[in-house]
C-alpha atoms as a PDB file:
ATOM      1  CA  MET A   1      85.239  24.044 204.148  1.00  0.00           C
ATOM      2  CA  GLY A   2      81.305  24.919 204.699  1.00  0.00           C
ATOM      3  CA  ARG A   3      80.201  21.809 202.328  1.00  0.00           C
ATOM      4  CA  ALA A   4      82.076  19.783 204.262  1.00  0.00           C
ATOM      5  CA  SER A   5      80.944  20.954 207.574  1.00  0.00           C
ATOM      6  CA  GLN A   6      77.383  20.325 206.300  1.00  0.00           C
ATOM      7  CA  VAL A   7      77.905  16.681 205.159  1.00  0.00           C
ATOM      8  CA  VAL A   8      79.448  15.760 208.913  1.00  0.00           C
ATOM      9  CA  GLY A   9      76.864  17.868 210.416  1.00  0.00           C
ATOM     10  CA  ALA A  10      73.973  15.804 208.396  1.00  0.00           C
ATOM     11  CA  LEU A  11      75.735  12.185 209.208  1.00  0.00           C
ATOM     12  CA  PHE A  12      75.970  13.592 212.749  1.00  0.00           C
ATOM     13  CA  GLU A  13      71.893  14.100 212.834  1.00  0.00           C
ATOM     14  CA  ALA A  14      71.469  11.299 210.728  1.00  0.00           C
ATOM     15  CA  TRP A  15      72.898   8.917 213.540  1.00  0.00           C
ATOM     16  CA  ILE A  16      70.746  10.594 216.307  1.00  0.00           C
ATOM     17  CA  GLU A  17      67.764  10.563 214.686  1.00  0.00           C
ATOM     18  CA  SER A  18      68.490   6.597 214.041  1.00  0.00           C
ATOM     19  CA  GLN A  19      69.070   6.391 217.727  1.00  0.00           C
ATOM     20  CA  HIS A  20      65.919   7.921 218.622  1.00  0.00           C
ATOM     21  CA  ASP A  21      63.929   5.443 216.508  1.00  0.00           C
ATOM     22  CA  LYS A  22      65.591   3.022 218.631  1.00  0.00           C
ATOM     23  CA  ALA A  23      64.659   4.718 221.398  1.00  0.00           C
ATOM     24  CA  LEU A  24      61.340   4.572 220.416  1.00  0.00           C
ATOM     25  CA  ASP A  25      61.017   0.988 219.266  1.00  0.00           C
ATOM     26  CA  LEU A  26      62.546   0.235 222.424  1.00  0.00           C
ATOM     27  CA  GLY A  27      60.378   2.399 224.763  1.00  0.00           C
ATOM     28  CA  ILE A  28      62.692   4.550 226.090  1.00  0.00           C
ATOM     29  CA  LEU A  29      60.778   7.568 224.418  1.00  0.00           C
ATOM     30  CA  ALA A  30      56.958   8.368 224.499  1.00  0.00           C
ATOM     31  CA  HIS A  31      56.984  10.046 221.503  1.00  0.00           C
ATOM     32  CA  PRO A  32      59.655  11.259 218.433  1.00  0.00           C
ATOM     33  CA  ALA A  33      62.013  13.219 219.974  1.00  0.00           C
ATOM     34  CA  THR A  34      61.733  16.671 218.233  1.00  0.00           C
ATOM     35  CA  HIS A  35      64.591  18.388 216.248  1.00  0.00           C
ATOM     36  CA  ASN A  36      64.634  22.342 216.834  1.00  0.00           C
ATOM     37  CA  GLN A  37      66.367  24.460 214.837  1.00  0.00           C
ATOM     38  CA  ALA A  38      67.527  27.853 215.111  1.00  0.00           C
ATOM     39  CA  ILE A  39      66.130  30.781 212.622  1.00  0.00           C
ATOM     40  CA  THR A  40      68.682  31.461 210.143  1.00  0.00           C
ATOM     41  CA  LYS A  41      69.237  33.432 207.242  1.00  0.00           C
ATOM     42  CA  VAL A  42      72.205  33.982 204.947  1.00  0.00           C
ATOM     43  CA  ILE A  43      73.649  37.743 204.690  1.00  0.00           C
ATOM     44  CA  GLY A  44      76.689  38.729 202.309  1.00  0.00           C
ATOM     45  CA  GLY A  45      77.425  34.931 202.676  1.00  0.00           C
ATOM     46  CA  ARG A  46      77.662  34.299 206.046  1.00  0.00           C
ATOM     47  CA  LEU A  47      74.807  32.236 208.048  1.00  0.00           C
ATOM     48  CA  ILE A  48      73.033  34.982 210.674  1.00  0.00           C
ATOM     49  CA  TYR A  49      70.936  33.643 213.415  1.00  0.00           C
ATOM     50  CA  GLU A  50      67.420  35.493 213.715  1.00  0.00           C
ATOM     51  CA  LYS A  51      66.278  33.682 216.795  1.00  0.00           C
ATOM     52  CA  PRO A  52      68.840  31.232 218.838  1.00  0.00           C
ATOM     53  CA  GLY A  53      67.222  28.186 219.542  1.00  0.00           C
ATOM     54  CA  ILE A  54      66.687  25.989 222.523  1.00  0.00           C
ATOM     55  CA  ALA A  55      68.915  22.579 222.763  1.00  0.00           C
ATOM     56  CA  ASP A  56      69.240  20.558 219.595  1.00  0.00           C
ATOM     57  CA  TYR A  57      66.546  17.658 220.404  1.00  0.00           C
ATOM     58  CA  THR A  58      64.041  17.891 222.937  1.00  0.00           C
ATOM     59  CA  GLY A  59      61.608  14.724 223.774  1.00  0.00           C
ATOM     60  CA  THR A  60      60.021  12.987 226.904  1.00  0.00           C
ATOM     61  CA  LEU A  61      61.171   9.471 228.336  1.00  0.00           C
ATOM     62  CA  THR A  62      59.066   6.921 229.216  1.00  0.00           C
ATOM     63  CA  ARG A  63      60.329   6.848 232.951  1.00  0.00           C
ATOM     64  CA  GLY A  64      57.539   8.854 234.705  1.00  0.00           C
ATOM     65  CA  ALA A  65      57.206  11.438 231.645  1.00  0.00           C
ATOM     66  CA  VAL A  66      60.850  12.897 231.852  1.00  0.00           C
ATOM     67  CA  THR A  67      61.559  15.677 229.716  1.00  0.00           C
ATOM     68  CA  LEU A  68      65.042  14.970 227.805  1.00  0.00           C
ATOM     69  CA  ALA A  69      66.915  17.735 226.022  1.00  0.00           C
ATOM     70  CA  VAL A  70      70.259  17.154 224.105  1.00  0.00           C
ATOM     71  CA  GLU A  71      72.336  19.635 222.417  1.00  0.00           C
ATOM     72  CA  ALA A  72      74.487  17.914 219.859  1.00  0.00           C
ATOM     73  CA  LYS A  73      77.808  19.255 218.982  1.00  0.00           C
ATOM     74  CA  SER A  74      80.789  17.750 216.046  1.00  0.00           C
ATOM     75  CA  THR A  75      84.209  18.735 216.494  1.00  0.00           C
ATOM     76  CA  GLN A  76      87.769  17.357 214.736  1.00  0.00           C
ATOM     77  CA  LEU A  77      89.404  20.010 217.279  1.00  0.00           C
ATOM     78  CA  GLY A  78      90.155  17.462 219.957  1.00  0.00           C
ATOM     79  CA  TYR A  79      88.151  19.798 222.231  1.00  0.00           C
ATOM     80  CA  LEU A  80      84.759  21.618 222.625  1.00  0.00           C
ATOM     81  CA  PRO A  81      84.650  25.037 223.731  1.00  0.00           C
ATOM     82  CA  ARG A  82      81.589  26.003 225.782  1.00  0.00           C
ATOM     83  CA  LEU A  83      81.030  28.987 223.360  1.00  0.00           C
ATOM     84  CA  ALA A  84      80.401  26.415 220.813  1.00  0.00           C
ATOM     85  CA  ILE A  85      76.934  26.111 222.700  1.00  0.00           C
ATOM     86  CA  THR A  86      74.719  29.296 222.872  1.00  0.00           C
ATOM     87  CA  GLN A  87      73.635  31.177 226.190  1.00  0.00           C
ATOM     88  CA  LYS A  88      69.525  30.485 225.224  1.00  0.00           C
ATOM     89  CA  GLN A  89      70.998  26.803 224.683  1.00  0.00           C
ATOM     90  CA  GLN A  90      73.235  26.486 228.208  1.00  0.00           C
ATOM     91  CA  MET A  91      69.955  28.028 230.017  1.00  0.00           C
ATOM     92  CA  HIS A  92      67.751  25.507 228.265  1.00  0.00           C
ATOM     93  CA  LEU A  93      70.041  22.377 228.888  1.00  0.00           C
ATOM     94  CA  SER A  94      70.480  23.826 232.849  1.00  0.00           C
ATOM     95  CA  ALA A  95      66.616  24.501 233.190  1.00  0.00           C
ATOM     96  CA  VAL A  96      65.638  21.065 232.351  1.00  0.00           C
ATOM     97  CA  ALA A  97      67.916  19.233 234.726  1.00  0.00           C
ATOM     98  CA  VAL A  98      67.022  21.324 237.773  1.00  0.00           C
ATOM     99  CA  ALA A  99      63.339  20.685 236.845  1.00  0.00           C
ATOM    100  CA  GLY A 100      64.525  16.764 237.148  1.00  0.00           C
ATOM    101  CA  GLY A 101      64.611  16.186 233.355  1.00  0.00           C
ATOM    102  CA  ILE A 102      67.427  14.740 231.870  1.00  0.00           C
ATOM    103  CA  SER A 103      70.045  17.100 229.747  1.00  0.00           C
ATOM    104  CA  LEU A 104      73.083  16.044 227.629  1.00  0.00           C
ATOM    105  CA  LEU A 105      75.724  17.160 225.958  1.00  0.00           C
ATOM    106  CA  LEU A 106      75.921  14.571 222.941  1.00  0.00           C
ATOM    107  CA  VAL A 107      79.787  14.958 221.500  1.00  0.00           C
ATOM    108  CA  GLU A 108      81.137  13.575 218.612  1.00  0.00           C
ATOM    109  CA  PHE A 109      85.010  13.788 218.395  1.00  0.00           C
ATOM    110  CA  ARG A 110      86.220  13.470 214.900  1.00  0.00           C
ATOM    111  CA  LYS A 111      89.995  11.816 213.913  1.00  0.00           C
ATOM    112  CA  ASP A 112      91.449  10.081 211.472  1.00  0.00           C
ATOM    113  CA  HIS A 113      87.995   8.330 209.839  1.00  0.00           C
ATOM    114  CA  ILE A 114      87.185   7.676 213.467  1.00  0.00           C
ATOM    115  CA  ASN A 115      84.004   9.160 215.198  1.00  0.00           C
ATOM    116  CA  ASP A 116      84.118   8.856 218.980  1.00  0.00           C
ATOM    117  CA  ARG A 117      80.892   9.703 220.523  1.00  0.00           C
ATOM    118  CA  TYR A 118      80.126  10.611 224.238  1.00  0.00           C
ATOM    119  CA  ALA A 119      76.729  11.445 225.819  1.00  0.00           C
ATOM    120  CA  VAL A 120      77.492  13.801 229.013  1.00  0.00           C
ATOM    121  CA  PRO A 121      75.172  14.879 231.889  1.00  0.00           C
ATOM    122  CA  TRP A 122      74.787  18.816 230.893  1.00  0.00           C
ATOM    123  CA  THR A 123      75.813  19.541 234.880  1.00  0.00           C
ATOM    124  CA  LEU A 124      78.328  16.654 234.708  1.00  0.00           C
ATOM    125  CA  VAL A 125      80.215  18.016 231.998  1.00  0.00           C
ATOM    126  CA  PRO A 126      84.292  18.714 233.366  1.00  0.00           C
ATOM    127  CA  TRP A 127      84.399  22.100 231.518  1.00  0.00           C
ATOM    128  CA  GLY A 128      88.106  23.231 232.078  1.00  0.00           C
ATOM    129  CA  VAL A 129      89.969  26.669 230.864  1.00  0.00           C
ATOM    130  CA  LYS A 130      92.240  25.618 227.792  1.00  0.00           C
ATOM    131  CA  ARG A 131      94.261  29.034 227.128  1.00  0.00           C
ATOM    132  CA  THR A 132      91.807  31.548 228.120  1.00  0.00           C
ATOM    133  CA  ALA A 133      88.310  29.994 227.427  1.00  0.00           C
ATOM    134  CA  GLU A 134      86.355  27.027 228.646  1.00  0.00           C
ATOM    135  CA  SER A 135      86.189  24.013 226.904  1.00  0.00           C
ATOM    136  CA  VAL A 136      86.125  20.162 227.697  1.00  0.00           C
ATOM    137  CA  ASP A 137      88.124  17.309 225.535  1.00  0.00           C
ATOM    138  CA  GLU A 138      87.657  14.201 224.932  1.00  0.00           C
ATOM    139  CA  ASP A 139      89.815  12.580 228.017  1.00  0.00           C
ATOM    140  CA  ALA A 140      87.938  14.301 230.349  1.00  0.00           C
ATOM    141  CA  ILE A 141      84.634  12.646 229.350  1.00  0.00           C
ATOM    142  CA  THR A 142      85.601   8.970 228.452  1.00  0.00           C
ATOM    143  CA  LYS A 143      83.507   7.240 231.296  1.00  0.00           C
ATOM    144  CA  TRP A 144      80.623   8.863 228.975  1.00  0.00           C
ATOM    145  CA  HIS A 145      81.763   7.201 225.704  1.00  0.00           C
ATOM    146  CA  ILE A 146      79.307   5.495 223.282  1.00  0.00           C
ATOM    147  CA  PRO A 147      80.526   2.085 222.148  1.00  0.00           C
ATOM    148  CA  PRO A 148      79.987   1.556 218.835  1.00  0.00           C
ATOM    149  CA  GLN A 149      77.632  -1.367 219.594  1.00  0.00           C
ATOM    150  CA  THR A 150      75.723   0.306 221.935  1.00  0.00           C
ATOM    151  CA  GLU A 151      71.906  -0.051 220.648  1.00  0.00           C
ATOM    152  CA  CYS A 152      71.049   2.976 221.921  1.00  0.00           C
ATOM    153  CA  TYR A 153      72.865   5.711 223.718  1.00  0.00           C
ATOM    154  CA  LEU A 154      69.595   6.988 225.589  1.00  0.00           C
ATOM    155  CA  GLU A 155      69.365   3.290 227.515  1.00  0.00           C
ATOM    156  CA  ARG A 156      71.949   4.368 230.326  1.00  0.00           C
ATOM    157  CA  PHE A 157      69.700   6.989 230.738  1.00  0.00           C
ATOM    158  CA  HIS A 158      66.393   5.682 231.400  1.00  0.00           C
ATOM    159  CA  THR A 159      65.629   3.300 234.441  1.00  0.00           C
ATOM    160  CA  ARG A 160      64.883   0.030 232.783  1.00  0.00           C
ATOM    161  CA  GLY A 161      68.458   0.594 231.710  1.00  0.00           C
ATOM    162  CA  PRO A 162      70.142  -1.971 229.133  1.00  0.00           C
ATOM    163  CA  ALA A 163      68.330  -4.494 227.540  1.00  0.00           C
ATOM    164  CA  VAL A 164      67.371  -7.477 229.962  1.00  0.00           C
ATOM    165  CA  GLU A 165      66.841 -10.576 228.277  1.00  0.00           C
ATOM    166  CA  GLY A 166      63.231 -12.021 228.485  1.00  0.00           C
ATOM    167  CA  VAL A 167      62.125  -8.784 228.835  1.00  0.00           C
ATOM    168  CA  VAL A 168      59.935  -7.505 225.813  1.00  0.00           C
ATOM    169  CA  ARG A 169      59.932  -3.665 225.573  1.00  0.00           C
ATOM    170  CA  LYS A 170      56.963  -2.315 223.127  1.00  0.00           C
ATOM    171  CA  ARG A 171      56.914   1.087 221.071  1.00  0.00           C
ATOM    172  CA  ILE A 172      54.135   2.859 222.616  1.00  0.00           C
ATOM    173  CA  TYR A 173      54.057   5.784 219.840  1.00  0.00           C
ATOM    174  CA  PRO A 174      52.692   4.217 216.657  1.00  0.00           C
ATOM    175  CA  ARG A 175      54.876   4.759 213.360  1.00  0.00           C
ATOM    176  CA  GLU A 176      53.678   7.331 210.762  1.00  0.00           C
END
């Protein structure tokens, strides 16, 4: 089970990285997004977080140097428990949103070999109580669905919006 989760997580991260590369090419991101990882170690075969991290990805949009914070989660449960997002990550996402930045919950629901992805503004996540804990399910966030043909999930959060015919966007950060 652990190995399968690692593979799924790596595939989701690869998709996110490719989306952020597209955002650079489209001039949406001012510089490459940073993938923030918590400091962990394995004790007795269990993964232990030594120091919880902030949101999974941070960056700067070219729109007025707006800060971007993205927490990415993948689940096959049919819902995402709020407890899957650490208190420190929730605080970071909220702080960025309150300061005028863009904070997103990027969630992937996996079912029957299909991955549906959603990019929901953190302050608009419609948390509901499922049994005794807060969670969000796919039906509650359908308006934030990322269609498979979408060039870059960040386009809808950038003032320039979807690409306009005849307008050339330019990458402003050089490739390494």
